[in-house]
């Protein structure tokens, strides 16, 4: 590892795991083209938020619907050069995927 390279951690979040995996592959291909060292994508535990709602607020109190929202996470660790960082900043990923970058 040279002194000019930085280590960044990219955390990807999304509700659809297929779109999330495609965004991770795009990031990895871009980083590999510029000569970066990559670790990942590491799948992190998914978070499930469950909500129970009454069907009718006045009568039939036992009639309920349950909904859930699943959030999938991936972690990519990149030792990058300035060229890699510039290429990653210019990369466009799907709008459903949230990318958080930590240095």
C-alpha atoms as a PDB file:
ATOM      1  CA  UNK A   1       0.000   0.000   0.000  1.00  0.00           C
ATOM      2  CA  UNK A   2       1.553   3.289  -1.062  1.00  0.00           C
ATOM      3  CA  UNK A   3       1.250   6.503   0.899  1.00  0.00           C
ATOM      4  CA  UNK A   4      -1.023   8.105  -1.705  1.00  0.00           C
ATOM      5  CA  UNK A   5      -3.728   5.442  -1.430  1.00  0.00           C
ATOM      6  CA  UNK A   6      -6.656   5.785   0.957  1.00  0.00           C
ATOM      7  CA  UNK A   7      -8.892   3.172   2.494  1.00  0.00           C
ATOM      8  CA  UNK A   8     -12.584   3.887   2.160  1.00  0.00           C
ATOM      9  CA  UNK A   9     -15.566   1.853   3.283  1.00  0.00           C
ATOM     10  CA  UNK A  10     -18.700   1.973   1.178  1.00  0.00           C
ATOM     11  CA  UNK A  11     -21.967   0.876   2.748  1.00  0.00           C
ATOM     12  CA  UNK A  12     -24.783   0.145   0.319  1.00  0.00           C
ATOM     13  CA  UNK A  13     -28.414   0.012   1.451  1.00  0.00           C
ATOM     14  CA  UNK A  14     -31.521  -0.899  -0.480  1.00  0.00           C
ATOM     15  CA  UNK A  15     -34.878  -2.622  -0.411  1.00  0.00           C
ATOM     16  CA  UNK A  16     -34.254  -4.915  -3.412  1.00  0.00           C
ATOM     17  CA  UNK A  17     -31.280  -7.255  -3.078  1.00  0.00           C
ATOM     18  CA  UNK A  18     -30.933  -7.786  -6.842  1.00  0.00           C
ATOM     19  CA  UNK A  19     -30.567  -4.063  -7.550  1.00  0.00           C
ATOM     20  CA  UNK A  20     -28.202  -3.771  -4.580  1.00  0.00           C
ATOM     21  CA  UNK A  21     -25.970  -6.590  -5.861  1.00  0.00           C
ATOM     22  CA  UNK A  22     -25.898  -5.038  -9.350  1.00  0.00           C
ATOM     23  CA  UNK A  23     -24.804  -1.679  -7.888  1.00  0.00           C
ATOM     24  CA  UNK A  24     -22.081  -3.463  -5.881  1.00  0.00           C
ATOM     25  CA  UNK A  25     -20.824  -5.184  -9.048  1.00  0.00           C
ATOM     26  CA  UNK A  26     -20.716  -1.833 -10.910  1.00  0.00           C
ATOM     27  CA  UNK A  27     -18.668  -0.293  -8.087  1.00  0.00           C
ATOM     28  CA  UNK A  28     -16.295  -3.270  -7.991  1.00  0.00           C
ATOM     29  CA  UNK A  29     -15.740  -3.249 -11.781  1.00  0.00           C
ATOM     30  CA  UNK A  30     -15.005   0.479 -11.738  1.00  0.00           C
ATOM     31  CA  UNK A  31     -12.532   0.111  -8.867  1.00  0.00           C
ATOM     32  CA  UNK A  32     -10.784  -2.880 -10.477  1.00  0.00           C
ATOM     33  CA  UNK A  33     -10.305  -0.977 -13.742  1.00  0.00           C
ATOM     34  CA  UNK A  34      -8.353   1.733 -11.902  1.00  0.00           C
ATOM     35  CA  UNK A  35      -6.179  -0.745  -9.993  1.00  0.00           C
ATOM     36  CA  UNK A  36      -7.686  -0.623  -6.510  1.00  0.00           C
ATOM     37  CA  UNK A  37      -7.583  -3.414  -3.943  1.00  0.00           C
ATOM     38  CA  UNK A  38     -11.132  -4.507  -3.077  1.00  0.00           C
ATOM     39  CA  UNK A  39     -12.601  -6.553  -0.249  1.00  0.00           C
ATOM     40  CA  UNK A  40     -16.245  -7.430  -0.560  1.00  0.00           C
ATOM     41  CA  UNK A  41     -19.095  -7.076  -1.131  1.00  0.00           C
ATOM     42  CA  UNK A  42     -19.735  -8.350   2.379  1.00  0.00           C
ATOM     43  CA  UNK A  43     -23.427  -9.041   3.048  1.00  0.00           C
ATOM     44  CA  UNK A  44     -24.501  -7.560   6.366  1.00  0.00           C
ATOM     45  CA  UNK A  45     -27.584  -8.704   8.293  1.00  0.00           C
ATOM     46  CA  UNK A  46     -30.867  -7.540   6.836  1.00  0.00           C
ATOM     47  CA  UNK A  47     -33.254  -5.515   8.937  1.00  0.00           C
ATOM     48  CA  UNK A  48     -36.962  -6.328   8.917  1.00  0.00           C
ATOM     49  CA  UNK A  49     -39.481  -3.775  10.111  1.00  0.00           C
ATOM     50  CA  UNK A  50     -42.946  -5.263  10.687  1.00  0.00           C
ATOM     51  CA  UNK A  51     -46.131  -3.225  11.043  1.00  0.00           C
ATOM     52  CA  UNK A  52     -49.573  -4.552  12.003  1.00  0.00           C
ATOM     53  CA  UNK A  53     -52.570  -2.471  10.948  1.00  0.00           C
ATOM     54  CA  UNK A  54     -56.268  -2.903  11.738  1.00  0.00           C
ATOM     55  CA  UNK A  55     -58.381  -3.399   8.619  1.00  0.00           C
ATOM     56  CA  UNK A  56     -61.329  -1.516  10.057  1.00  0.00           C
ATOM     57  CA  UNK A  57     -60.906   0.961  12.917  1.00  0.00           C
ATOM     58  CA  UNK A  58     -64.510   0.658  14.175  1.00  0.00           C
ATOM     59  CA  UNK A  59     -65.566  -2.992  14.065  1.00  0.00           C
ATOM     60  CA  UNK A  60     -63.889  -6.342  13.365  1.00  0.00           C
ATOM     61  CA  UNK A  61     -60.999  -5.631  15.723  1.00  0.00           C
ATOM     62  CA  UNK A  62     -59.484  -9.054  15.050  1.00  0.00           C
ATOM     63  CA  UNK A  63     -59.111  -8.413  11.314  1.00  0.00           C
ATOM     64  CA  UNK A  64     -55.544  -7.166  10.813  1.00  0.00           C
ATOM     65  CA  UNK A  65     -53.007  -6.864   8.009  1.00  0.00           C
ATOM     66  CA  UNK A  66     -49.278  -7.252   8.487  1.00  0.00           C
ATOM     67  CA  UNK A  67     -46.683  -5.493   6.341  1.00  0.00           C
ATOM     68  CA  UNK A  68     -42.918  -5.723   6.412  1.00  0.00           C
ATOM     69  CA  UNK A  69     -40.074  -3.713   4.966  1.00  0.00           C
ATOM     70  CA  UNK A  70     -36.740  -5.449   4.455  1.00  0.00           C
ATOM     71  CA  UNK A  71     -33.524  -3.449   4.239  1.00  0.00           C
ATOM     72  CA  UNK A  72     -30.492  -5.180   2.727  1.00  0.00           C
ATOM     73  CA  UNK A  73     -26.906  -3.996   3.365  1.00  0.00           C
ATOM     74  CA  UNK A  74     -23.568  -4.615   1.677  1.00  0.00           C
ATOM     75  CA  UNK A  75     -20.106  -3.417   2.704  1.00  0.00           C
ATOM     76  CA  UNK A  76     -17.246  -2.829   0.259  1.00  0.00           C
ATOM     77  CA  UNK A  77     -13.751  -1.987   1.522  1.00  0.00           C
ATOM     78  CA  UNK A  78     -11.535  -0.279  -1.082  1.00  0.00           C
ATOM     79  CA  UNK A  79      -7.890   0.790  -0.917  1.00  0.00           C
ATOM     80  CA  UNK A  80      -7.985   3.392  -3.639  1.00  0.00           C
ATOM     81  CA  UNK A  81      -5.770   5.843  -5.451  1.00  0.00           C
ATOM     82  CA  UNK A  82      -6.917   9.341  -6.442  1.00  0.00           C
ATOM     83  CA  UNK A  83      -7.886   7.996  -9.896  1.00  0.00           C
ATOM     84  CA  UNK A  84     -10.110   5.355  -8.293  1.00  0.00           C
ATOM     85  CA  UNK A  85     -11.754   7.908  -6.027  1.00  0.00           C
ATOM     86  CA  UNK A  86     -12.460  10.179  -8.997  1.00  0.00           C
ATOM     87  CA  UNK A  87     -13.933   7.288 -11.010  1.00  0.00           C
ATOM     88  CA  UNK A  88     -16.139   6.202  -8.093  1.00  0.00           C
ATOM     89  CA  UNK A  89     -17.444   9.739  -7.558  1.00  0.00           C
ATOM     90  CA  UNK A  90     -18.450   9.931 -11.224  1.00  0.00           C
ATOM     91  CA  UNK A  91     -20.218   6.553 -11.151  1.00  0.00           C
ATOM     92  CA  UNK A  92     -24.012   6.543 -11.334  1.00  0.00           C
ATOM     93  CA  UNK A  93     -25.789   3.806  -9.378  1.00  0.00           C
ATOM     94  CA  UNK A  94     -29.493   3.000  -9.236  1.00  0.00           C
ATOM     95  CA  UNK A  95     -31.673   5.511  -7.413  1.00  0.00           C
ATOM     96  CA  UNK A  96     -32.994   2.755  -5.099  1.00  0.00           C
ATOM     97  CA  UNK A  97     -29.516   2.254  -3.618  1.00  0.00           C
ATOM     98  CA  UNK A  98     -28.133   4.521  -0.901  1.00  0.00           C
ATOM     99  CA  UNK A  99     -24.331   4.723  -0.821  1.00  0.00           C
ATOM    100  CA  UNK A 100     -22.558   5.900   2.326  1.00  0.00           C
ATOM    101  CA  UNK A 101     -18.798   6.491   2.095  1.00  0.00           C
ATOM    102  CA  UNK A 102     -16.496   6.574   5.125  1.00  0.00           C
ATOM    103  CA  UNK A 103     -12.809   7.376   5.003  1.00  0.00           C
END
